[in-house]
C-alpha atoms as a PDB file:
ATOM      1  CA  UNK A   1     -18.094 -26.897  -2.897  1.00  0.00           C
ATOM      2  CA  UNK A   2     -14.519 -26.541  -1.659  1.00  0.00           C
ATOM      3  CA  UNK A   3     -13.053 -23.269  -0.582  1.00  0.00           C
ATOM      4  CA  UNK A   4      -9.925 -21.721  -1.708  1.00  0.00           C
ATOM      5  CA  UNK A   5      -6.951 -21.967   0.945  1.00  0.00           C
ATOM      6  CA  UNK A   6      -4.728 -19.217   1.361  1.00  0.00           C
ATOM      7  CA  UNK A   7      -1.694 -19.690   3.684  1.00  0.00           C
ATOM      8  CA  UNK A   8       1.296 -18.542   4.944  1.00  0.00           C
ATOM      9  CA  UNK A   9       3.931 -19.461   7.506  1.00  0.00           C
ATOM     10  CA  UNK A  10       4.659 -17.115  10.312  1.00  0.00           C
ATOM     11  CA  UNK A  11       7.616 -16.763  12.757  1.00  0.00           C
ATOM     12  CA  UNK A  12       5.748 -16.534  16.212  1.00  0.00           C
ATOM     13  CA  UNK A  13       4.110 -18.965  18.698  1.00  0.00           C
ATOM     14  CA  UNK A  14       0.602 -20.068  17.550  1.00  0.00           C
ATOM     15  CA  UNK A  15      -0.927 -18.499  20.569  1.00  0.00           C
ATOM     16  CA  UNK A  16       0.095 -14.836  19.827  1.00  0.00           C
ATOM     17  CA  UNK A  17      -1.460 -15.446  16.000  1.00  0.00           C
ATOM     18  CA  UNK A  18      -4.633 -16.925  17.465  1.00  0.00           C
ATOM     19  CA  UNK A  19      -4.811 -13.877  19.910  1.00  0.00           C
ATOM     20  CA  UNK A  20      -4.747 -11.336  16.760  1.00  0.00           C
ATOM     21  CA  UNK A  21      -6.891 -13.531  14.994  1.00  0.00           C
ATOM     22  CA  UNK A  22      -9.850 -13.569  18.153  1.00  0.00           C
ATOM     23  CA  UNK A  23      -9.236 -10.149  19.879  1.00  0.00           C
ATOM     24  CA  UNK A  24     -11.764  -7.923  17.330  1.00  0.00           C
ATOM     25  CA  UNK A  25      -9.797  -4.945  18.688  1.00  0.00           C
ATOM     26  CA  UNK A  26      -6.840  -6.135  16.261  1.00  0.00           C
ATOM     27  CA  UNK A  27      -9.041  -6.846  13.247  1.00  0.00           C
ATOM     28  CA  UNK A  28      -8.721  -3.776  11.533  1.00  0.00           C
ATOM     29  CA  UNK A  29      -4.686  -4.075  11.880  1.00  0.00           C
ATOM     30  CA  UNK A  30      -4.553  -7.000   9.704  1.00  0.00           C
ATOM     31  CA  UNK A  31      -7.945  -7.234   7.992  1.00  0.00           C
ATOM     32  CA  UNK A  32      -7.678  -5.095   5.052  1.00  0.00           C
ATOM     33  CA  UNK A  33     -11.431  -4.658   4.636  1.00  0.00           C
ATOM     34  CA  UNK A  34     -12.166  -4.085   8.282  1.00  0.00           C
ATOM     35  CA  UNK A  35     -12.418  -0.659   9.478  1.00  0.00           C
ATOM     36  CA  UNK A  36     -14.023  -1.196  12.841  1.00  0.00           C
ATOM     37  CA  UNK A  37     -15.664  -3.899  15.095  1.00  0.00           C
ATOM     38  CA  UNK A  38     -18.132  -4.105  17.777  1.00  0.00           C
ATOM     39  CA  UNK A  39     -19.030  -6.965  19.843  1.00  0.00           C
ATOM     40  CA  UNK A  40     -19.051  -8.086  23.722  1.00  0.00           C
ATOM     41  CA  UNK A  41     -17.002  -9.323  24.935  1.00  0.00           C
ATOM     42  CA  UNK A  42     -14.361  -7.881  22.152  1.00  0.00           C
ATOM     43  CA  UNK A  43     -12.715 -11.715  22.193  1.00  0.00           C
ATOM     44  CA  UNK A  44     -14.678 -13.644  19.868  1.00  0.00           C
ATOM     45  CA  UNK A  45     -15.926 -17.398  20.649  1.00  0.00           C
ATOM     46  CA  UNK A  46     -18.542 -20.033  19.517  1.00  0.00           C
ATOM     47  CA  UNK A  47     -21.852 -17.834  18.935  1.00  0.00           C
ATOM     48  CA  UNK A  48     -20.184 -14.568  19.125  1.00  0.00           C
ATOM     49  CA  UNK A  49     -22.322 -11.993  17.167  1.00  0.00           C
ATOM     50  CA  UNK A  50     -21.751  -8.532  16.477  1.00  0.00           C
ATOM     51  CA  UNK A  51     -20.981  -5.874  13.695  1.00  0.00           C
ATOM     52  CA  UNK A  52     -18.127  -4.989  11.179  1.00  0.00           C
ATOM     53  CA  UNK A  53     -17.661  -1.931   9.535  1.00  0.00           C
ATOM     54  CA  UNK A  54     -16.290  -2.276   5.997  1.00  0.00           C
ATOM     55  CA  UNK A  55     -13.488  -0.007   4.527  1.00  0.00           C
ATOM     56  CA  UNK A  56     -16.555   0.860   2.275  1.00  0.00           C
ATOM     57  CA  UNK A  57     -18.436   2.091   4.877  1.00  0.00           C
ATOM     58  CA  UNK A  58     -21.396  -0.137   5.765  1.00  0.00           C
ATOM     59  CA  UNK A  59     -21.926  -1.596   9.272  1.00  0.00           C
ATOM     60  CA  UNK A  60     -22.569  -5.584   8.607  1.00  0.00           C
ATOM     61  CA  UNK A  61     -23.858  -8.004  11.177  1.00  0.00           C
ATOM     62  CA  UNK A  62     -21.693 -10.853  11.813  1.00  0.00           C
ATOM     63  CA  UNK A  63     -22.161 -14.336  13.939  1.00  0.00           C
ATOM     64  CA  UNK A  64     -19.246 -16.894  14.456  1.00  0.00           C
ATOM     65  CA  UNK A  65     -20.688 -20.036  13.289  1.00  0.00           C
ATOM     66  CA  UNK A  66     -17.747 -22.594  14.237  1.00  0.00           C
ATOM     67  CA  UNK A  67     -14.953 -22.075  16.577  1.00  0.00           C
ATOM     68  CA  UNK A  68     -12.405 -24.388  17.982  1.00  0.00           C
ATOM     69  CA  UNK A  69     -10.365 -22.375  20.885  1.00  0.00           C
ATOM     70  CA  UNK A  70      -6.796 -22.070  19.637  1.00  0.00           C
ATOM     71  CA  UNK A  71      -7.252 -23.321  16.273  1.00  0.00           C
ATOM     72  CA  UNK A  72      -9.940 -22.329  13.901  1.00  0.00           C
ATOM     73  CA  UNK A  73     -13.212 -20.280  13.446  1.00  0.00           C
ATOM     74  CA  UNK A  74     -15.776 -19.148  10.815  1.00  0.00           C
ATOM     75  CA  UNK A  75     -18.419 -16.816  10.273  1.00  0.00           C
ATOM     76  CA  UNK A  76     -21.174 -15.491   8.569  1.00  0.00           C
ATOM     77  CA  UNK A  77     -21.242 -11.559   7.429  1.00  0.00           C
ATOM     78  CA  UNK A  78     -24.528 -10.124   6.710  1.00  0.00           C
ATOM     79  CA  UNK A  79     -26.108 -13.798   6.856  1.00  0.00           C
ATOM     80  CA  UNK A  80     -23.540 -15.119   4.351  1.00  0.00           C
ATOM     81  CA  UNK A  81     -20.604 -17.593   4.807  1.00  0.00           C
ATOM     82  CA  UNK A  82     -17.520 -15.725   4.799  1.00  0.00           C
ATOM     83  CA  UNK A  83     -13.829 -16.199   5.479  1.00  0.00           C
ATOM     84  CA  UNK A  84     -12.560 -18.924   7.704  1.00  0.00           C
ATOM     85  CA  UNK A  85      -9.471 -18.766  10.079  1.00  0.00           C
ATOM     86  CA  UNK A  86      -7.076 -21.489  11.100  1.00  0.00           C
ATOM     87  CA  UNK A  87      -3.723 -21.111  12.727  1.00  0.00           C
ATOM     88  CA  UNK A  88      -1.592 -24.519  13.284  1.00  0.00           C
ATOM     89  CA  UNK A  89       1.648 -24.716  15.107  1.00  0.00           C
ATOM     90  CA  UNK A  90       4.886 -25.746  13.106  1.00  0.00           C
ATOM     91  CA  UNK A  91       7.258 -26.226  15.772  1.00  0.00           C
ATOM     92  CA  UNK A  92       9.184 -23.946  17.970  1.00  0.00           C
ATOM     93  CA  UNK A  93       8.164 -20.380  17.181  1.00  0.00           C
ATOM     94  CA  UNK A  94       6.361 -20.540  13.901  1.00  0.00           C
ATOM     95  CA  UNK A  95       2.929 -21.390  12.752  1.00  0.00           C
ATOM     96  CA  UNK A  96       0.742 -21.292   9.590  1.00  0.00           C
ATOM     97  CA  UNK A  97      -2.364 -19.103   9.505  1.00  0.00           C
ATOM     98  CA  UNK A  98      -4.923 -20.419   6.596  1.00  0.00           C
ATOM     99  CA  UNK A  99      -7.839 -18.609   5.533  1.00  0.00           C
ATOM    100  CA  UNK A 100     -10.599 -19.884   3.542  1.00  0.00           C
ATOM    101  CA  UNK A 101     -12.645 -18.407   1.066  1.00  0.00           C
ATOM    102  CA  UNK A 102     -15.825 -19.488  -0.828  1.00  0.00           C
ATOM    103  CA  UNK A 103     -15.721 -20.008  -4.488  1.00  0.00           C
ATOM    104  CA  UNK A 104     -18.399 -17.498  -4.839  1.00  0.00           C
ATOM    105  CA  UNK A 105     -15.909 -14.542  -3.676  1.00  0.00           C
ATOM    106  CA  UNK A 106     -12.818 -15.806  -5.255  1.00  0.00           C
ATOM    107  CA  UNK A 107     -11.507 -12.560  -5.848  1.00  0.00           C
ATOM    108  CA  UNK A 108     -11.351 -11.780  -2.248  1.00  0.00           C
ATOM    109  CA  UNK A 109      -8.458 -14.055  -1.842  1.00  0.00           C
ATOM    110  CA  UNK A 110      -6.237 -11.204  -2.505  1.00  0.00           C
ATOM    111  CA  UNK A 111      -7.558  -9.147   0.151  1.00  0.00           C
ATOM    112  CA  UNK A 112      -6.986 -12.430   2.305  1.00  0.00           C
ATOM    113  CA  UNK A 113      -3.459 -12.744   0.975  1.00  0.00           C
ATOM    114  CA  UNK A 114      -2.697  -9.263   2.314  1.00  0.00           C
ATOM    115  CA  UNK A 115      -4.352 -10.231   5.718  1.00  0.00           C
ATOM    116  CA  UNK A 116      -1.634 -13.102   5.907  1.00  0.00           C
ATOM    117  CA  UNK A 117       1.332 -10.338   4.945  1.00  0.00           C
ATOM    118  CA  UNK A 118      -0.155  -8.029   7.778  1.00  0.00           C
ATOM    119  CA  UNK A 119      -0.412 -10.989  10.158  1.00  0.00           C
ATOM    120  CA  UNK A 120       3.317 -11.644   9.468  1.00  0.00           C
ATOM    121  CA  UNK A 121       4.284  -8.101  10.071  1.00  0.00           C
ATOM    122  CA  UNK A 122       2.509  -7.396  13.166  1.00  0.00           C
ATOM    123  CA  UNK A 123       4.272 -10.512  14.771  1.00  0.00           C
ATOM    124  CA  UNK A 124       7.537  -9.529  13.716  1.00  0.00           C
ATOM    125  CA  UNK A 125       7.075  -6.430  15.361  1.00  0.00           C
ATOM    126  CA  UNK A 126       6.740  -8.217  18.636  1.00  0.00           C
END
């Protein structure tokens, strides 16, 4: 089954946006559903595990299930396939960030669209 894809262009180098996506201390800044993250090291990689606190309160375990350095990563949260994350250079200091959302949680696309806007705003501040 295909996933929903939510994308947006960002006026920032791909490396800068990638760091926002993989450094867990930044997740609450751009992730509307994330309150806090616990993992070691704080920068995720293939096979990273930890837990994430949602804005609703509960802590949920996570595992990074695929990882391509500088390009994309996917994860499972509480054992369920969750969002995918991808960043692609567009030339110059521009890139496109894309989140994938399983159809089973299609309404979550609204949350992900807000994440794209937040990433764009964070990049504009730098």
